[in-house]
């Protein structure tokens, strides 16, 4: 059974930082594209960042470019999302996702097969 477990969410003031982690069990992520999505109340789930299986293959949503950075360690079967200069508009549940044999250009949620349960990020103004 494939499981993705996110952690690291919490409450932070605007301008602060958080680091989210996602640990995958039940499969190796070596050939997977990995991504972070987020969903705010009343809104659709939106793409945040992706990281392909090759070194340096990342892709970011315009809304977070320059503030967030995604990384991965296939030996640890894990990915991270470093979020800096957080804004109240970043408040959402953040989800980790995996796309077997996928591309880091995958930005739609239907392109990802496996999902975590999400971690809440709340940014106060």
PDB file of N, CA and C in Angstrom:
ATOM      1  N   UNK A   1       0.842  -1.188   0.000  1.00  0.00           N
ATOM      2  CA  UNK A   1       0.000   0.000   0.000  1.00  0.00           C
ATOM      3  C   UNK A   1       0.879   1.240   0.000  1.00  0.00           C
ATOM      4  N   UNK A   2       0.609   2.112  -0.949  1.00  0.00           N
ATOM      5  CA  UNK A   2       1.393   3.336  -1.068  1.00  0.00           C
ATOM      6  C   UNK A   2       0.818   4.396  -0.120  1.00  0.00           C
ATOM      7  N   UNK A   3       1.705   5.004   0.647  1.00  0.00           N
ATOM      8  CA  UNK A   3       1.277   6.075   1.539  1.00  0.00           C
ATOM      9  C   UNK A   3       2.219   7.255   1.415  1.00  0.00           C
ATOM     10  N   UNK A   4       1.640   8.443   1.408  1.00  0.00           N
ATOM     11  CA  UNK A   4       2.403   9.671   1.424  1.00  0.00           C
ATOM     12  C   UNK A   4       2.014  10.409   2.699  1.00  0.00           C
ATOM     13  N   UNK A   5       2.980  10.733   3.519  1.00  0.00           N
ATOM     14  CA  UNK A   5       2.700  11.356   4.801  1.00  0.00           C
ATOM     15  C   UNK A   5       3.356  12.724   4.866  1.00  0.00           C
ATOM     16  N   UNK A   6       2.532  13.763   4.897  1.00  0.00           N
ATOM     17  CA  UNK A   6       3.046  15.124   4.996  1.00  0.00           C
ATOM     18  C   UNK A   6       3.179  15.535   6.465  1.00  0.00           C
ATOM     19  N   UNK A   7       4.109  16.438   6.710  1.00  0.00           N
ATOM     20  CA  UNK A   7       4.280  17.015   8.037  1.00  0.00           C
ATOM     21  C   UNK A   7       4.912  18.386   7.894  1.00  0.00           C
ATOM     22  N   UNK A   8       4.911  19.129   9.001  1.00  0.00           N
ATOM     23  CA  UNK A   8       5.598  20.416   9.002  1.00  0.00           C
ATOM     24  C   UNK A   8       4.693  21.632   8.915  1.00  0.00           C
ATOM     25  N   UNK A   9       3.411  21.408   8.732  1.00  0.00           N
ATOM     26  CA  UNK A   9       2.504  22.542   8.686  1.00  0.00           C
ATOM     27  C   UNK A   9       2.338  23.186  10.047  1.00  0.00           C
ATOM     28  N   UNK A  10       1.658  24.331  10.067  1.00  0.00           N
ATOM     29  CA  UNK A  10       1.439  25.012  11.332  1.00  0.00           C
ATOM     30  C   UNK A  10       0.976  26.438  11.120  1.00  0.00           C
ATOM     31  N   UNK A  11       1.000  27.199  12.209  1.00  0.00           N
ATOM     32  CA  UNK A  11       0.610  28.605  12.194  1.00  0.00           C
ATOM     33  C   UNK A  11       1.857  29.465  12.221  1.00  0.00           C
ATOM     34  N   UNK A  12       1.934  30.416  11.307  1.00  0.00           N
ATOM     35  CA  UNK A  12       3.097  31.290  11.227  1.00  0.00           C
ATOM     36  C   UNK A  12       2.648  32.691  10.856  1.00  0.00           C
ATOM     37  N   UNK A  13       3.400  33.674  11.281  1.00  0.00           N
ATOM     38  CA  UNK A  13       3.078  35.058  10.917  1.00  0.00           C
ATOM     39  C   UNK A  13       3.537  35.356   9.496  1.00  0.00           C
ATOM     40  N   UNK A  14       2.899  36.318   8.880  1.00  0.00           N
ATOM     41  CA  UNK A  14       3.304  36.756   7.545  1.00  0.00           C
ATOM     42  C   UNK A  14       4.787  37.134   7.565  1.00  0.00           C
ATOM     43  N   UNK A  15       5.486  36.716   6.525  1.00  0.00           N
ATOM     44  CA  UNK A  15       6.918  36.956   6.461  1.00  0.00           C
ATOM     45  C   UNK A  15       7.751  35.819   7.016  1.00  0.00           C
ATOM     46  N   UNK A  16       7.098  34.885   7.700  1.00  0.00           N
ATOM     47  CA  UNK A  16       7.810  33.760   8.287  1.00  0.00           C
ATOM     48  C   UNK A  16       8.044  32.639   7.304  1.00  0.00           C
ATOM     49  N   UNK A  17       8.538  31.519   7.830  1.00  0.00           N
ATOM     50  CA  UNK A  17       8.898  30.379   6.990  1.00  0.00           C
ATOM     51  C   UNK A  17       8.443  29.071   7.618  1.00  0.00           C
ATOM     52  N   UNK A  18       8.192  28.099   6.766  1.00  0.00           N
ATOM     53  CA  UNK A  18       7.900  26.742   7.190  1.00  0.00           C
ATOM     54  C   UNK A  18       8.560  25.788   6.203  1.00  0.00           C
ATOM     55  N   UNK A  19       8.840  24.588   6.668  1.00  0.00           N
ATOM     56  CA  UNK A  19       9.404  23.551   5.802  1.00  0.00           C
ATOM     57  C   UNK A  19       8.507  22.320   5.911  1.00  0.00           C
ATOM     58  N   UNK A  20       7.875  21.986   4.813  1.00  0.00           N
ATOM     59  CA  UNK A  20       7.020  20.808   4.767  1.00  0.00           C
ATOM     60  C   UNK A  20       7.833  19.599   4.308  1.00  0.00           C
ATOM     61  N   UNK A  21       7.471  18.454   4.836  1.00  0.00           N
ATOM     62  CA  UNK A  21       8.112  17.201   4.457  1.00  0.00           C
ATOM     63  C   UNK A  21       7.053  16.199   4.010  1.00  0.00           C
ATOM     64  N   UNK A  22       7.447  15.319   3.101  1.00  0.00           N
ATOM     65  CA  UNK A  22       6.565  14.244   2.643  1.00  0.00           C
ATOM     66  C   UNK A  22       7.401  12.978   2.531  1.00  0.00           C
ATOM     67  N   UNK A  23       7.027  11.991   3.310  1.00  0.00           N
ATOM     68  CA  UNK A  23       7.725  10.696   3.274  1.00  0.00           C
ATOM     69  C   UNK A  23       6.809   9.688   2.606  1.00  0.00           C
ATOM     70  N   UNK A  24       7.369   8.972   1.624  1.00  0.00           N
ATOM     71  CA  UNK A  24       6.585   8.005   0.851  1.00  0.00           C
ATOM     72  C   UNK A  24       6.950   6.593   1.286  1.00  0.00           C
ATOM     73  N   UNK A  25       5.955   5.768   1.481  1.00  0.00           N
ATOM     74  CA  UNK A  25       6.171   4.355   1.779  1.00  0.00           C
ATOM     75  C   UNK A  25       5.357   3.516   0.817  1.00  0.00           C
ATOM     76  N   UNK A  26       5.803   2.290   0.592  1.00  0.00           N
ATOM     77  CA  UNK A  26       5.076   1.367  -0.274  1.00  0.00           C
ATOM     78  C   UNK A  26       5.523   1.372  -1.721  1.00  0.00           C
ATOM     79  N   UNK A  27       6.359   2.316  -2.116  1.00  0.00           N
ATOM     80  CA  UNK A  27       6.938   2.338  -3.448  1.00  0.00           C
ATOM     81  C   UNK A  27       8.157   3.246  -3.402  1.00  0.00           C
ATOM     82  N   UNK A  28       9.055   3.060  -4.372  1.00  0.00           N
ATOM     83  CA  UNK A  28      10.198   3.934  -4.493  1.00  0.00           C
ATOM     84  C   UNK A  28       9.817   5.088  -5.429  1.00  0.00           C
ATOM     85  N   UNK A  29      10.317   6.270  -5.118  1.00  0.00           N
ATOM     86  CA  UNK A  29       9.937   7.445  -5.908  1.00  0.00           C
ATOM     87  C   UNK A  29      10.975   7.791  -6.978  1.00  0.00           C
ATOM     88  N   UNK A  30      11.982   6.916  -7.147  1.00  0.00           N
ATOM     89  CA  UNK A  30      13.093   7.222  -8.050  1.00  0.00           C
ATOM     90  C   UNK A  30      12.652   7.667  -9.436  1.00  0.00           C
ATOM     91  N   UNK A  31      11.593   7.067  -9.962  1.00  0.00           N
ATOM     92  CA  UNK A  31      11.149   7.385 -11.317  1.00  0.00           C
ATOM     93  C   UNK A  31       9.846   8.174 -11.333  1.00  0.00           C
ATOM     94  N   UNK A  32       9.525   8.753 -10.186  1.00  0.00           N
ATOM     95  CA  UNK A  32       8.272   9.501 -10.088  1.00  0.00           C
ATOM     96  C   UNK A  32       8.530  10.997 -10.187  1.00  0.00           C
ATOM     97  N   UNK A  33       7.601  11.689 -10.778  1.00  0.00           N
ATOM     98  CA  UNK A  33       7.538  13.135 -10.589  1.00  0.00           C
ATOM     99  C   UNK A  33       6.779  13.357  -9.272  1.00  0.00           C
ATOM    100  N   UNK A  34       7.314  14.243  -8.462  1.00  0.00           N
ATOM    101  CA  UNK A  34       6.679  14.559  -7.183  1.00  0.00           C
ATOM    102  C   UNK A  34       6.214  16.013  -7.202  1.00  0.00           C
ATOM    103  N   UNK A  35       5.159  16.276  -6.477  1.00  0.00           N
ATOM    104  CA  UNK A  35       4.619  17.641  -6.504  1.00  0.00           C
ATOM    105  C   UNK A  35       3.971  18.004  -5.183  1.00  0.00           C
ATOM    106  N   UNK A  36       3.810  19.288  -5.010  1.00  0.00           N
ATOM    107  CA  UNK A  36       3.028  19.848  -3.923  1.00  0.00           C
ATOM    108  C   UNK A  36       1.857  20.624  -4.539  1.00  0.00           C
ATOM    109  N   UNK A  37       0.692  20.391  -3.990  1.00  0.00           N
ATOM    110  CA  UNK A  37      -0.505  21.148  -4.328  1.00  0.00           C
ATOM    111  C   UNK A  37      -1.035  21.768  -3.048  1.00  0.00           C
ATOM    112  N   UNK A  38      -1.952  22.705  -3.194  1.00  0.00           N
ATOM    113  CA  UNK A  38      -2.582  23.259  -2.002  1.00  0.00           C
ATOM    114  C   UNK A  38      -4.043  23.562  -2.295  1.00  0.00           C
ATOM    115  N   UNK A  39      -4.825  23.575  -1.236  1.00  0.00           N
ATOM    116  CA  UNK A  39      -6.247  23.848  -1.382  1.00  0.00           C
ATOM    117  C   UNK A  39      -6.707  24.731  -0.236  1.00  0.00           C
ATOM    118  N   UNK A  40      -7.147  25.932  -0.585  1.00  0.00           N
ATOM    119  CA  UNK A  40      -7.701  26.861   0.397  1.00  0.00           C
ATOM    120  C   UNK A  40      -9.204  26.619   0.517  1.00  0.00           C
ATOM    121  N   UNK A  41      -9.810  27.022   1.623  1.00  0.00           N
ATOM    122  CA  UNK A  41     -11.251  26.827   1.799  1.00  0.00           C
ATOM    123  C   UNK A  41     -12.052  27.439   0.659  1.00  0.00           C
ATOM    124  N   UNK A  42     -12.945  26.664   0.086  1.00  0.00           N
ATOM    125  CA  UNK A  42     -13.804  27.162  -0.974  1.00  0.00           C
ATOM    126  C   UNK A  42     -13.146  27.273  -2.336  1.00  0.00           C
ATOM    127  N   UNK A  43     -11.911  26.826  -2.426  1.00  0.00           N
ATOM    128  CA  UNK A  43     -11.188  26.924  -3.691  1.00  0.00           C
ATOM    129  C   UNK A  43     -10.771  25.543  -4.189  1.00  0.00           C
ATOM    130  N   UNK A  44     -10.439  25.471  -5.464  1.00  0.00           N
ATOM    131  CA  UNK A  44      -9.982  24.212  -6.028  1.00  0.00           C
ATOM    132  C   UNK A  44      -8.525  23.960  -5.634  1.00  0.00           C
ATOM    133  N   UNK A  45      -8.166  22.691  -5.680  1.00  0.00           N
ATOM    134  CA  UNK A  45      -6.776  22.340  -5.406  1.00  0.00           C
ATOM    135  C   UNK A  45      -5.902  22.874  -6.531  1.00  0.00           C
ATOM    136  N   UNK A  46      -4.818  23.548  -6.154  1.00  0.00           N
ATOM    137  CA  UNK A  46      -3.960  24.170  -7.161  1.00  0.00           C
ATOM    138  C   UNK A  46      -2.517  23.697  -7.040  1.00  0.00           C
ATOM    139  N   UNK A  47      -1.874  23.699  -8.166  1.00  0.00           N
ATOM    140  CA  UNK A  47      -0.462  23.296  -8.246  1.00  0.00           C
ATOM    141  C   UNK A  47       0.423  24.322  -7.569  1.00  0.00           C
ATOM    142  N   UNK A  48       1.436  23.834  -6.853  1.00  0.00           N
ATOM    143  CA  UNK A  48       2.407  24.721  -6.205  1.00  0.00           C
ATOM    144  C   UNK A  48       3.797  24.517  -6.793  1.00  0.00           C
ATOM    145  N   UNK A  49       4.273  23.270  -6.770  1.00  0.00           N
ATOM    146  CA  UNK A  49       5.640  22.999  -7.221  1.00  0.00           C
ATOM    147  C   UNK A  49       5.775  21.532  -7.585  1.00  0.00           C
ATOM    148  N   UNK A  50       6.705  21.238  -8.477  1.00  0.00           N
ATOM    149  CA  UNK A  50       6.982  19.862  -8.859  1.00  0.00           C
ATOM    150  C   UNK A  50       8.473  19.646  -9.010  1.00  0.00           C
ATOM    151  N   UNK A  51       8.855  18.387  -8.885  1.00  0.00           N
ATOM    152  CA  UNK A  51      10.274  18.021  -9.013  1.00  0.00           C
ATOM    153  C   UNK A  51      10.332  16.693  -9.740  1.00  0.00           C
ATOM    154  N   UNK A  52      10.955  16.703 -10.887  1.00  0.00           N
ATOM    155  CA  UNK A  52      11.095  15.480 -11.649  1.00  0.00           C
ATOM    156  C   UNK A  52      12.169  14.584 -11.082  1.00  0.00           C
ATOM    157  N   UNK A  53      12.357  13.446 -11.744  1.00  0.00           N
ATOM    158  CA  UNK A  53      13.310  12.464 -11.230  1.00  0.00           C
ATOM    159  C   UNK A  53      14.742  12.809 -11.601  1.00  0.00           C
ATOM    160  N   UNK A  54      14.938  13.743 -12.519  1.00  0.00           N
ATOM    161  CA  UNK A  54      16.297  14.129 -12.871  1.00  0.00           C
ATOM    162  C   UNK A  54      16.694  15.377 -12.089  1.00  0.00           C
ATOM    163  N   UNK A  55      17.969  15.463 -11.825  1.00  0.00           N
ATOM    164  CA  UNK A  55      18.492  16.558 -11.007  1.00  0.00           C
ATOM    165  C   UNK A  55      18.154  17.918 -11.619  1.00  0.00           C
ATOM    166  N   UNK A  56      17.652  18.806 -10.789  1.00  0.00           N
ATOM    167  CA  UNK A  56      17.402  20.170 -11.238  1.00  0.00           C
ATOM    168  C   UNK A  56      16.110  20.383 -11.980  1.00  0.00           C
ATOM    169  N   UNK A  57      15.312  19.360 -12.141  1.00  0.00           N
ATOM    170  CA  UNK A  57      14.065  19.514 -12.902  1.00  0.00           C
ATOM    171  C   UNK A  57      12.937  19.913 -11.957  1.00  0.00           C
ATOM    172  N   UNK A  58      12.806  21.193 -11.764  1.00  0.00           N
ATOM    173  CA  UNK A  58      11.733  21.716 -10.919  1.00  0.00           C
ATOM    174  C   UNK A  58      10.865  22.682 -11.707  1.00  0.00           C
ATOM    175  N   UNK A  59       9.656  22.874 -11.221  1.00  0.00           N
ATOM    176  CA  UNK A  59       8.720  23.775 -11.870  1.00  0.00           C
ATOM    177  C   UNK A  59       7.854  24.374 -10.781  1.00  0.00           C
ATOM    178  N   UNK A  60       7.589  25.679 -10.863  1.00  0.00           N
ATOM    179  CA  UNK A  60       6.873  26.367  -9.787  1.00  0.00           C
ATOM    180  C   UNK A  60       5.711  27.188 -10.333  1.00  0.00           C
ATOM    181  N   UNK A  61       4.685  27.283  -9.520  1.00  0.00           N
ATOM    182  CA  UNK A  61       3.592  28.190  -9.847  1.00  0.00           C
ATOM    183  C   UNK A  61       4.085  29.630  -9.738  1.00  0.00           C
ATOM    184  N   UNK A  62       3.563  30.493 -10.576  1.00  0.00           N
ATOM    185  CA  UNK A  62       4.001  31.885 -10.557  1.00  0.00           C
ATOM    186  C   UNK A  62       3.772  32.541  -9.198  1.00  0.00           C
ATOM    187  N   UNK A  63       2.723  32.133  -8.516  1.00  0.00           N
ATOM    188  CA  UNK A  63       2.349  32.783  -7.258  1.00  0.00           C
ATOM    189  C   UNK A  63       3.371  32.556  -6.148  1.00  0.00           C
ATOM    190  N   UNK A  64       4.174  31.553  -6.254  1.00  0.00           N
ATOM    191  CA  UNK A  64       5.149  31.250  -5.189  1.00  0.00           C
ATOM    192  C   UNK A  64       6.588  31.274  -5.685  1.00  0.00           C
ATOM    193  N   UNK A  65       6.789  31.542  -6.943  1.00  0.00           N
ATOM    194  CA  UNK A  65       8.138  31.528  -7.510  1.00  0.00           C
ATOM    195  C   UNK A  65       9.036  32.533  -6.783  1.00  0.00           C
ATOM    196  N   UNK A  66      10.214  32.074  -6.418  1.00  0.00           N
ATOM    197  CA  UNK A  66      11.152  32.925  -5.712  1.00  0.00           C
ATOM    198  C   UNK A  66      11.000  32.902  -4.202  1.00  0.00           C
ATOM    199  N   UNK A  67       9.903  32.327  -3.725  1.00  0.00           N
ATOM    200  CA  UNK A  67       9.692  32.232  -2.274  1.00  0.00           C
ATOM    201  C   UNK A  67       9.749  30.792  -1.778  1.00  0.00           C
ATOM    202  N   UNK A  68       9.301  29.843  -2.596  1.00  0.00           N
ATOM    203  CA  UNK A  68       9.280  28.437  -2.214  1.00  0.00           C
ATOM    204  C   UNK A  68      10.342  27.676  -3.003  1.00  0.00           C
ATOM    205  N   UNK A  69      10.853  26.633  -2.381  1.00  0.00           N
ATOM    206  CA  UNK A  69      11.809  25.762  -3.067  1.00  0.00           C
ATOM    207  C   UNK A  69      11.507  24.317  -2.727  1.00  0.00           C
ATOM    208  N   UNK A  70      11.402  23.487  -3.760  1.00  0.00           N
ATOM    209  CA  UNK A  70      11.139  22.067  -3.568  1.00  0.00           C
ATOM    210  C   UNK A  70      12.427  21.280  -3.744  1.00  0.00           C
ATOM    211  N   UNK A  71      12.586  20.269  -2.906  1.00  0.00           N
ATOM    212  CA  UNK A  71      13.752  19.398  -3.018  1.00  0.00           C
ATOM    213  C   UNK A  71      13.314  17.956  -2.784  1.00  0.00           C
ATOM    214  N   UNK A  72      14.197  17.025  -3.154  1.00  0.00           N
ATOM    215  CA  UNK A  72      13.894  15.617  -2.970  1.00  0.00           C
ATOM    216  C   UNK A  72      15.164  14.848  -2.660  1.00  0.00           C
ATOM    217  N   UNK A  73      14.982  13.731  -1.980  1.00  0.00           N
ATOM    218  CA  UNK A  73      16.073  12.816  -1.709  1.00  0.00           C
ATOM    219  C   UNK A  73      15.510  11.418  -1.933  1.00  0.00           C
ATOM    220  N   UNK A  74      15.869  10.822  -3.058  1.00  0.00           N
ATOM    221  CA  UNK A  74      15.305   9.519  -3.400  1.00  0.00           C
ATOM    222  C   UNK A  74      15.794   8.424  -2.457  1.00  0.00           C
ATOM    223  N   UNK A  75      16.966   8.576  -1.898  1.00  0.00           N
ATOM    224  CA  UNK A  75      17.455   7.574  -0.936  1.00  0.00           C
ATOM    225  C   UNK A  75      16.553   7.543   0.303  1.00  0.00           C
ATOM    226  N   UNK A  76      16.028   8.715   0.659  1.00  0.00           N
ATOM    227  CA  UNK A  76      15.136   8.808   1.814  1.00  0.00           C
ATOM    228  C   UNK A  76      13.669   8.704   1.404  1.00  0.00           C
ATOM    229  N   UNK A  77      13.443   8.558   0.088  1.00  0.00           N
ATOM    230  CA  UNK A  77      12.075   8.467  -0.425  1.00  0.00           C
ATOM    231  C   UNK A  77      11.210   9.624   0.069  1.00  0.00           C
ATOM    232  N   UNK A  78      11.801  10.801   0.004  1.00  0.00           N
ATOM    233  CA  UNK A  78      11.150  11.975   0.599  1.00  0.00           C
ATOM    234  C   UNK A  78      11.296  13.207  -0.274  1.00  0.00           C
ATOM    235  N   UNK A  79      10.362  14.129  -0.096  1.00  0.00           N
ATOM    236  CA  UNK A  79      10.451  15.440  -0.728  1.00  0.00           C
ATOM    237  C   UNK A  79      10.140  16.486   0.339  1.00  0.00           C
ATOM    238  N   UNK A  80      10.589  17.716   0.057  1.00  0.00           N
ATOM    239  CA  UNK A  80      10.380  18.821   0.983  1.00  0.00           C
ATOM    240  C   UNK A  80       9.926  20.049   0.210  1.00  0.00           C
ATOM    241  N   UNK A  81       9.270  20.943   0.936  1.00  0.00           N
ATOM    242  CA  UNK A  81       8.900  22.234   0.373  1.00  0.00           C
ATOM    243  C   UNK A  81       9.294  23.301   1.386  1.00  0.00           C
ATOM    244  N   UNK A  82      10.340  24.055   1.049  1.00  0.00           N
ATOM    245  CA  UNK A  82      10.764  25.160   1.893  1.00  0.00           C
ATOM    246  C   UNK A  82       9.972  26.398   1.484  1.00  0.00           C
ATOM    247  N   UNK A  83       9.239  26.945   2.429  1.00  0.00           N
ATOM    248  CA  UNK A  83       8.378  28.087   2.131  1.00  0.00           C
ATOM    249  C   UNK A  83       8.873  29.292   2.921  1.00  0.00           C
ATOM    250  N   UNK A  84       9.302  30.318   2.199  1.00  0.00           N
ATOM    251  CA  UNK A  84       9.816  31.538   2.812  1.00  0.00           C
ATOM    252  C   UNK A  84       8.907  32.708   2.489  1.00  0.00           C
ATOM    253  N   UNK A  85       9.047  33.768   3.267  1.00  0.00           N
ATOM    254  CA  UNK A  85       8.277  35.012   3.054  1.00  0.00           C
ATOM    255  C   UNK A  85       6.800  34.673   2.858  1.00  0.00           C
ATOM    256  N   UNK A  86       6.271  33.901   3.770  1.00  0.00           N
ATOM    257  CA  UNK A  86       4.885  33.463   3.654  1.00  0.00           C
ATOM    258  C   UNK A  86       3.918  34.634   3.741  1.00  0.00           C
ATOM    259  N   UNK A  87       2.830  34.486   3.007  1.00  0.00           N
ATOM    260  CA  UNK A  87       1.789  35.515   2.943  1.00  0.00           C
ATOM    261  C   UNK A  87       0.460  34.891   3.384  1.00  0.00           C
ATOM    262  N   UNK A  88      -0.467  35.710   3.867  1.00  0.00           N
ATOM    263  CA  UNK A  88      -1.777  35.154   4.256  1.00  0.00           C
ATOM    264  C   UNK A  88      -2.446  34.380   3.127  1.00  0.00           C
ATOM    265  N   UNK A  89      -2.172  34.771   1.891  1.00  0.00           N
ATOM    266  CA  UNK A  89      -2.759  34.072   0.736  1.00  0.00           C
ATOM    267  C   UNK A  89      -2.202  32.667   0.560  1.00  0.00           C
ATOM    268  N   UNK A  90      -1.151  32.336   1.272  1.00  0.00           N
ATOM    269  CA  UNK A  90      -0.584  30.980   1.220  1.00  0.00           C
ATOM    270  C   UNK A  90      -1.314  30.023   2.149  1.00  0.00           C
ATOM    271  N   UNK A  91      -2.246  30.527   2.935  1.00  0.00           N
ATOM    272  CA  UNK A  91      -3.004  29.676   3.852  1.00  0.00           C
ATOM    273  C   UNK A  91      -3.799  28.641   3.075  1.00  0.00           C
ATOM    274  N   UNK A  92      -3.584  27.365   3.414  1.00  0.00           N
ATOM    275  CA  UNK A  92      -4.233  26.266   2.691  1.00  0.00           C
ATOM    276  C   UNK A  92      -3.812  24.950   3.330  1.00  0.00           C
ATOM    277  N   UNK A  93      -4.459  23.897   2.895  1.00  0.00           N
ATOM    278  CA  UNK A  93      -3.967  22.553   3.174  1.00  0.00           C
ATOM    279  C   UNK A  93      -3.026  22.187   2.042  1.00  0.00           C
ATOM    280  N   UNK A  94      -1.839  21.746   2.389  1.00  0.00           N
ATOM    281  CA  UNK A  94      -0.827  21.400   1.401  1.00  0.00           C
ATOM    282  C   UNK A  94      -0.737  19.877   1.262  1.00  0.00           C
ATOM    283  N   UNK A  95      -0.765  19.424   0.012  1.00  0.00           N
ATOM    284  CA  UNK A  95      -0.763  18.008  -0.294  1.00  0.00           C
ATOM    285  C   UNK A  95       0.480  17.633  -1.093  1.00  0.00           C
ATOM    286  N   UNK A  96       1.009  16.479  -0.790  1.00  0.00           N
ATOM    287  CA  UNK A  96       2.086  15.877  -1.537  1.00  0.00           C
ATOM    288  C   UNK A  96       1.482  14.887  -2.532  1.00  0.00           C
ATOM    289  N   UNK A  97       2.069  14.792  -3.732  1.00  0.00           N
ATOM    290  CA  UNK A  97       1.534  13.891  -4.750  1.00  0.00           C
ATOM    291  C   UNK A  97       2.659  13.271  -5.557  1.00  0.00           C
ATOM    292  N   UNK A  98       2.387  12.090  -6.110  1.00  0.00           N
ATOM    293  CA  UNK A  98       3.378  11.373  -6.905  1.00  0.00           C
ATOM    294  C   UNK A  98       2.767  10.937  -8.228  1.00  0.00           C
ATOM    295  N   UNK A  99       3.565  11.079  -9.289  1.00  0.00           N
ATOM    296  CA  UNK A  99       3.151  10.652 -10.622  1.00  0.00           C
ATOM    297  C   UNK A  99       4.192   9.671 -11.156  1.00  0.00           C
ATOM    298  N   UNK A 100       3.895   8.384 -11.140  1.00  0.00           N
ATOM    299  CA  UNK A 100       4.849   7.394 -11.649  1.00  0.00           C
ATOM    300  C   UNK A 100       5.253   7.683 -13.094  1.00  0.00           C
ATOM    301  N   UNK A 101       6.545   7.731 -13.314  1.00  0.00           N
ATOM    302  CA  UNK A 101       7.100   7.994 -14.644  1.00  0.00           C
ATOM    303  C   UNK A 101       6.631   9.341 -15.203  1.00  0.00           C
ATOM    304  N   UNK A 102       6.267  10.237 -14.342  1.00  0.00           N
ATOM    305  CA  UNK A 102       5.740  11.531 -14.785  1.00  0.00           C
ATOM    306  C   UNK A 102       6.810  12.563 -15.052  1.00  0.00           C
ATOM    307  N   UNK A 103       6.360  13.732 -15.455  1.00  0.00           N
ATOM    308  CA  UNK A 103       7.242  14.850 -15.782  1.00  0.00           C
ATOM    309  C   UNK A 103       7.058  15.962 -14.756  1.00  0.00           C
ATOM    310  N   UNK A 104       8.122  16.719 -14.558  1.00  0.00           N
ATOM    311  CA  UNK A 104       7.997  17.853 -13.624  1.00  0.00           C
ATOM    312  C   UNK A 104       7.127  18.954 -14.238  1.00  0.00           C
ATOM    313  N   UNK A 105       6.725  18.781 -15.511  1.00  0.00           N
ATOM    314  CA  UNK A 105       5.813  19.749 -16.116  1.00  0.00           C
ATOM    315  C   UNK A 105       4.344  19.403 -15.853  1.00  0.00           C
ATOM    316  N   UNK A 106       4.104  18.312 -15.148  1.00  0.00           N
ATOM    317  CA  UNK A 106       2.740  17.975 -14.770  1.00  0.00           C
ATOM    318  C   UNK A 106       2.255  18.977 -13.728  1.00  0.00           C
ATOM    319  N   UNK A 107       1.171  19.697 -14.035  1.00  0.00           N
ATOM    320  CA  UNK A 107       0.670  20.696 -13.098  1.00  0.00           C
ATOM    321  C   UNK A 107      -0.791  20.500 -12.734  1.00  0.00           C
ATOM    322  N   UNK A 108      -1.410  19.472 -13.329  1.00  0.00           N
ATOM    323  CA  UNK A 108      -2.820  19.253 -13.032  1.00  0.00           C
ATOM    324  C   UNK A 108      -2.963  18.085 -12.081  1.00  0.00           C
ATOM    325  N   UNK A 109      -3.862  18.170 -11.161  1.00  0.00           N
ATOM    326  CA  UNK A 109      -4.011  17.153 -10.125  1.00  0.00           C
ATOM    327  C   UNK A 109      -4.356  15.787 -10.709  1.00  0.00           C
ATOM    328  N   UNK A 110      -5.017  15.759 -11.863  1.00  0.00           N
ATOM    329  CA  UNK A 110      -5.388  14.467 -12.453  1.00  0.00           C
ATOM    330  C   UNK A 110      -4.180  13.713 -12.997  1.00  0.00           C
ATOM    331  N   UNK A 111      -3.055  14.386 -13.122  1.00  0.00           N
ATOM    332  CA  UNK A 111      -1.854  13.738 -13.630  1.00  0.00           C
ATOM    333  C   UNK A 111      -1.087  12.994 -12.535  1.00  0.00           C
ATOM    334  N   UNK A 112      -1.532  13.156 -11.306  1.00  0.00           N
ATOM    335  CA  UNK A 112      -0.855  12.530 -10.177  1.00  0.00           C
ATOM    336  C   UNK A 112      -1.698  11.395  -9.622  1.00  0.00           C
ATOM    337  N   UNK A 113      -1.026  10.273  -9.339  1.00  0.00           N
ATOM    338  CA  UNK A 113      -1.722   9.051  -8.958  1.00  0.00           C
ATOM    339  C   UNK A 113      -1.884   8.899  -7.448  1.00  0.00           C
ATOM    340  N   UNK A 114      -0.827   9.241  -6.725  1.00  0.00           N
ATOM    341  CA  UNK A 114      -0.822   9.010  -5.283  1.00  0.00           C
ATOM    342  C   UNK A 114      -0.827  10.346  -4.544  1.00  0.00           C
ATOM    343  N   UNK A 115      -1.577  10.366  -3.443  1.00  0.00           N
ATOM    344  CA  UNK A 115      -1.745  11.608  -2.681  1.00  0.00           C
ATOM    345  C   UNK A 115      -1.618  11.353  -1.181  1.00  0.00           C
ATOM    346  N   UNK A 116      -1.126  12.371  -0.497  1.00  0.00           N
ATOM    347  CA  UNK A 116      -1.140  12.335   0.950  1.00  0.00           C
ATOM    348  C   UNK A 116      -2.427  12.946   1.490  1.00  0.00           C
ATOM    349  N   UNK A 117      -2.546  12.956   2.807  1.00  0.00           N
ATOM    350  CA  UNK A 117      -3.746  13.469   3.466  1.00  0.00           C
ATOM    351  C   UNK A 117      -3.704  14.974   3.664  1.00  0.00           C
ATOM    352  N   UNK A 118      -2.541  15.559   3.533  1.00  0.00           N
ATOM    353  CA  UNK A 118      -2.423  17.004   3.633  1.00  0.00           C
ATOM    354  C   UNK A 118      -1.978  17.490   5.001  1.00  0.00           C
ATOM    355  N   UNK A 119      -1.399  18.679   5.008  1.00  0.00           N
ATOM    356  CA  UNK A 119      -0.987  19.337   6.253  1.00  0.00           C
ATOM    357  C   UNK A 119      -1.420  20.804   6.172  1.00  0.00           C
ATOM    358  N   UNK A 120      -1.978  21.309   7.261  1.00  0.00           N
ATOM    359  CA  UNK A 120      -2.526  22.662   7.258  1.00  0.00           C
ATOM    360  C   UNK A 120      -1.422  23.694   7.460  1.00  0.00           C
ATOM    361  N   UNK A 121      -1.440  24.709   6.625  1.00  0.00           N
ATOM    362  CA  UNK A 121      -0.560  25.869   6.777  1.00  0.00           C
ATOM    363  C   UNK A 121      -1.444  27.100   6.932  1.00  0.00           C
ATOM    364  N   UNK A 122      -1.255  27.815   8.016  1.00  0.00           N
ATOM    365  CA  UNK A 122      -2.025  29.018   8.272  1.00  0.00           C
ATOM    366  C   UNK A 122      -1.066  30.180   8.487  1.00  0.00           C
ATOM    367  N   UNK A 123      -1.240  31.234   7.692  1.00  0.00           N
ATOM    368  CA  UNK A 123      -0.377  32.407   7.785  1.00  0.00           C
ATOM    369  C   UNK A 123      -1.220  33.578   8.269  1.00  0.00           C
ATOM    370  N   UNK A 124      -0.857  34.121   9.406  1.00  0.00           N
ATOM    371  CA  UNK A 124      -1.602  35.240   9.972  1.00  0.00           C
ATOM    372  C   UNK A 124      -0.990  36.565   9.530  1.00  0.00           C
ATOM    373  N   UNK A 125      -1.855  37.561   9.400  1.00  0.00           N
ATOM    374  CA  UNK A 125      -1.367  38.873   8.941  1.00  0.00           C
ATOM    375  C   UNK A 125      -0.953  39.751  10.106  1.00  0.00           C
TER     376      UNK A 125
END
